[in-house]
Amino acid sequence: MAKRTGSTTRKARNKLTKPARARGKLSLTKYFAKFREGEKIILKAEPSVKYGMYHIRFHGKVGIIQGMQGKCYKVGIKDGSKQKTLIIHPVHLKRVA
């Protein structure tokens, strides 16, 4: 059997690139953001923080906060016909407007 080449961020150069004006230090507000259970969020990866990042195939998906696990949030998303639970750091989450 052939061995898989690469990691979870393979072929994701464009998805994990910030615009030039958005580069630099992260705001602490974004890093320590609080979400309530049942709140809708969008998965938007923060490339400068690898900790608590999801697999890049879920980028841009909408999910619902199910609870907390340590400093991260459990997020339920629908992937095709399956319901999945991801554990994601709040820096990679964005509220639905």
C-alpha atoms as a PDB file:
ATOM      1  CA  MET A   1       0.000   0.000   0.000  1.00  0.00           C
ATOM      2  CA  ALA A   2       1.327   3.466  -0.884  1.00  0.00           C
ATOM      3  CA  LYS A   3       2.115   5.888   1.908  1.00  0.00           C
ATOM      4  CA  ARG A   4       0.250   9.201   1.953  1.00  0.00           C
ATOM      5  CA  THR A   5       2.442  12.215   1.235  1.00  0.00           C
ATOM      6  CA  GLY A   6       2.088  15.475   3.147  1.00  0.00           C
ATOM      7  CA  SER A   7       0.149  16.745   6.125  1.00  0.00           C
ATOM      8  CA  THR A   8      -3.290  18.208   6.864  1.00  0.00           C
ATOM      9  CA  THR A   9      -2.276  21.603   5.458  1.00  0.00           C
ATOM     10  CA  ARG A  10      -0.985  20.185   2.172  1.00  0.00           C
ATOM     11  CA  LYS A  11      -2.035  22.166  -0.956  1.00  0.00           C
ATOM     12  CA  ALA A  12      -3.549  24.914   1.206  1.00  0.00           C
ATOM     13  CA  ARG A  13      -1.243  27.817   0.388  1.00  0.00           C
ATOM     14  CA  ASN A  14      -4.042  30.160  -0.710  1.00  0.00           C
ATOM     15  CA  LYS A  15      -6.429  29.222   2.084  1.00  0.00           C
ATOM     16  CA  LEU A  16      -3.770  29.799   4.735  1.00  0.00           C
ATOM     17  CA  THR A  17      -2.469  33.143   3.444  1.00  0.00           C
ATOM     18  CA  LYS A  18      -3.558  36.421   5.007  1.00  0.00           C
ATOM     19  CA  PRO A  19      -3.803  39.670   3.066  1.00  0.00           C
ATOM     20  CA  ALA A  20      -0.760  41.940   3.478  1.00  0.00           C
ATOM     21  CA  ARG A  21      -2.566  44.437   5.747  1.00  0.00           C
ATOM     22  CA  ALA A  22      -3.891  41.692   8.038  1.00  0.00           C
ATOM     23  CA  ARG A  23      -0.439  40.312   8.881  1.00  0.00           C
ATOM     24  CA  GLY A  24       1.244  40.941  12.196  1.00  0.00           C
ATOM     25  CA  LYS A  25       0.295  40.360  15.813  1.00  0.00           C
ATOM     26  CA  LEU A  26      -3.026  38.794  16.705  1.00  0.00           C
ATOM     27  CA  SER A  27      -5.500  40.731  18.789  1.00  0.00           C
ATOM     28  CA  LEU A  28      -6.039  39.201  22.222  1.00  0.00           C
ATOM     29  CA  THR A  29      -9.791  39.717  21.842  1.00  0.00           C
ATOM     30  CA  LYS A  30      -9.811  37.241  18.984  1.00  0.00           C
ATOM     31  CA  TYR A  31      -7.573  34.797  20.857  1.00  0.00           C
ATOM     32  CA  PHE A  32      -9.717  34.767  24.033  1.00  0.00           C
ATOM     33  CA  ALA A  33     -13.134  35.035  22.322  1.00  0.00           C
ATOM     34  CA  LYS A  34     -16.088  33.530  24.216  1.00  0.00           C
ATOM     35  CA  PHE A  35     -18.908  31.660  22.517  1.00  0.00           C
ATOM     36  CA  ARG A  36     -22.163  30.343  23.954  1.00  0.00           C
ATOM     37  CA  GLU A  37     -23.515  26.838  23.446  1.00  0.00           C
ATOM     38  CA  GLY A  38     -25.834  26.653  20.436  1.00  0.00           C
ATOM     39  CA  GLU A  39     -24.248  29.697  18.752  1.00  0.00           C
ATOM     40  CA  LYS A  40     -23.603  29.508  14.989  1.00  0.00           C
ATOM     41  CA  ILE A  41     -20.034  30.061  13.843  1.00  0.00           C
ATOM     42  CA  ILE A  42     -17.933  29.937  10.666  1.00  0.00           C
ATOM     43  CA  LEU A  43     -14.656  28.003  10.521  1.00  0.00           C
ATOM     44  CA  LYS A  44     -12.014  30.496   9.388  1.00  0.00           C
ATOM     45  CA  ALA A  45      -8.423  29.356   9.928  1.00  0.00           C
ATOM     46  CA  GLU A  46      -5.887  31.714  11.500  1.00  0.00           C
ATOM     47  CA  PRO A  47      -2.626  30.673   9.793  1.00  0.00           C
ATOM     48  CA  SER A  48      -0.322  32.072  12.488  1.00  0.00           C
ATOM     49  CA  VAL A  49      -1.770  29.712  15.149  1.00  0.00           C
ATOM     50  CA  LYS A  50      -1.353  25.995  14.470  1.00  0.00           C
ATOM     51  CA  TYR A  51      -2.751  24.911  17.864  1.00  0.00           C
ATOM     52  CA  GLY A  52      -6.371  23.773  17.732  1.00  0.00           C
ATOM     53  CA  MET A  53      -6.653  24.042  13.944  1.00  0.00           C
ATOM     54  CA  TYR A  54      -9.041  21.782  12.080  1.00  0.00           C
ATOM     55  CA  HIS A  55      -8.386  19.886   8.847  1.00  0.00           C
ATOM     56  CA  ILE A  56      -8.384  22.319   5.946  1.00  0.00           C
ATOM     57  CA  ARG A  57     -11.238  20.487   4.170  1.00  0.00           C
ATOM     58  CA  PHE A  58     -13.631  22.036   6.718  1.00  0.00           C
ATOM     59  CA  HIS A  59     -12.524  25.629   5.929  1.00  0.00           C
ATOM     60  CA  GLY A  60     -15.504  27.965   5.451  1.00  0.00           C
ATOM     61  CA  LYS A  61     -18.095  25.569   6.898  1.00  0.00           C
ATOM     62  CA  VAL A  62     -20.805  26.728   9.309  1.00  0.00           C
ATOM     63  CA  GLY A  63     -21.144  24.872  12.609  1.00  0.00           C
ATOM     64  CA  ILE A  64     -22.817  25.037  15.998  1.00  0.00           C
ATOM     65  CA  ILE A  65     -21.002  25.255  19.342  1.00  0.00           C
ATOM     66  CA  GLN A  66     -21.723  22.112  21.390  1.00  0.00           C
ATOM     67  CA  GLY A  67     -19.553  22.798  24.443  1.00  0.00           C
ATOM     68  CA  MET A  68     -15.991  23.275  25.634  1.00  0.00           C
ATOM     69  CA  GLN A  69     -13.028  20.957  26.010  1.00  0.00           C
ATOM     70  CA  GLY A  70     -10.165  22.659  27.781  1.00  0.00           C
ATOM     71  CA  LYS A  71      -9.454  25.973  26.042  1.00  0.00           C
ATOM     72  CA  CYS A  72     -11.089  24.794  22.818  1.00  0.00           C
ATOM     73  CA  TYR A  73     -14.687  24.478  21.671  1.00  0.00           C
ATOM     74  CA  LYS A  74     -16.511  21.408  20.395  1.00  0.00           C
ATOM     75  CA  VAL A  75     -18.131  22.356  17.105  1.00  0.00           C
ATOM     76  CA  GLY A  76     -20.715  20.204  15.339  1.00  0.00           C
ATOM     77  CA  ILE A  77     -20.693  20.412  11.547  1.00  0.00           C
ATOM     78  CA  LYS A  78     -22.408  18.533   8.771  1.00  0.00           C
ATOM     79  CA  ASP A  79     -19.940  16.927   6.351  1.00  0.00           C
ATOM     80  CA  GLY A  80     -21.960  15.590   3.460  1.00  0.00           C
ATOM     81  CA  SER A  81     -24.607  13.441   5.156  1.00  0.00           C
ATOM     82  CA  LYS A  82     -22.605  12.838   8.351  1.00  0.00           C
ATOM     83  CA  GLN A  83     -22.607  14.867  11.564  1.00  0.00           C
ATOM     84  CA  LYS A  84     -19.061  15.456  12.863  1.00  0.00           C
ATOM     85  CA  THR A  85     -17.616  17.023  16.014  1.00  0.00           C
ATOM     86  CA  LEU A  86     -14.410  19.052  15.750  1.00  0.00           C
ATOM     87  CA  ILE A  87     -12.351  20.460  18.617  1.00  0.00           C
ATOM     88  CA  ILE A  88     -11.231  23.957  17.607  1.00  0.00           C
ATOM     89  CA  HIS A  89      -9.415  26.841  19.298  1.00  0.00           C
ATOM     90  CA  PRO A  90     -11.504  30.071  19.370  1.00  0.00           C
ATOM     91  CA  VAL A  91      -8.977  31.942  17.224  1.00  0.00           C
ATOM     92  CA  HIS A  92     -10.166  29.856  14.232  1.00  0.00           C
ATOM     93  CA  LEU A  93     -13.861  30.635  14.814  1.00  0.00           C
ATOM     94  CA  LYS A  94     -15.910  33.605  13.590  1.00  0.00           C
ATOM     95  CA  ARG A  95     -19.476  34.539  14.551  1.00  0.00           C
ATOM     96  CA  VAL A  96     -22.158  34.399  11.848  1.00  0.00           C
ATOM     97  CA  ALA A  97     -23.368  37.968  11.266  1.00  0.00           C
END
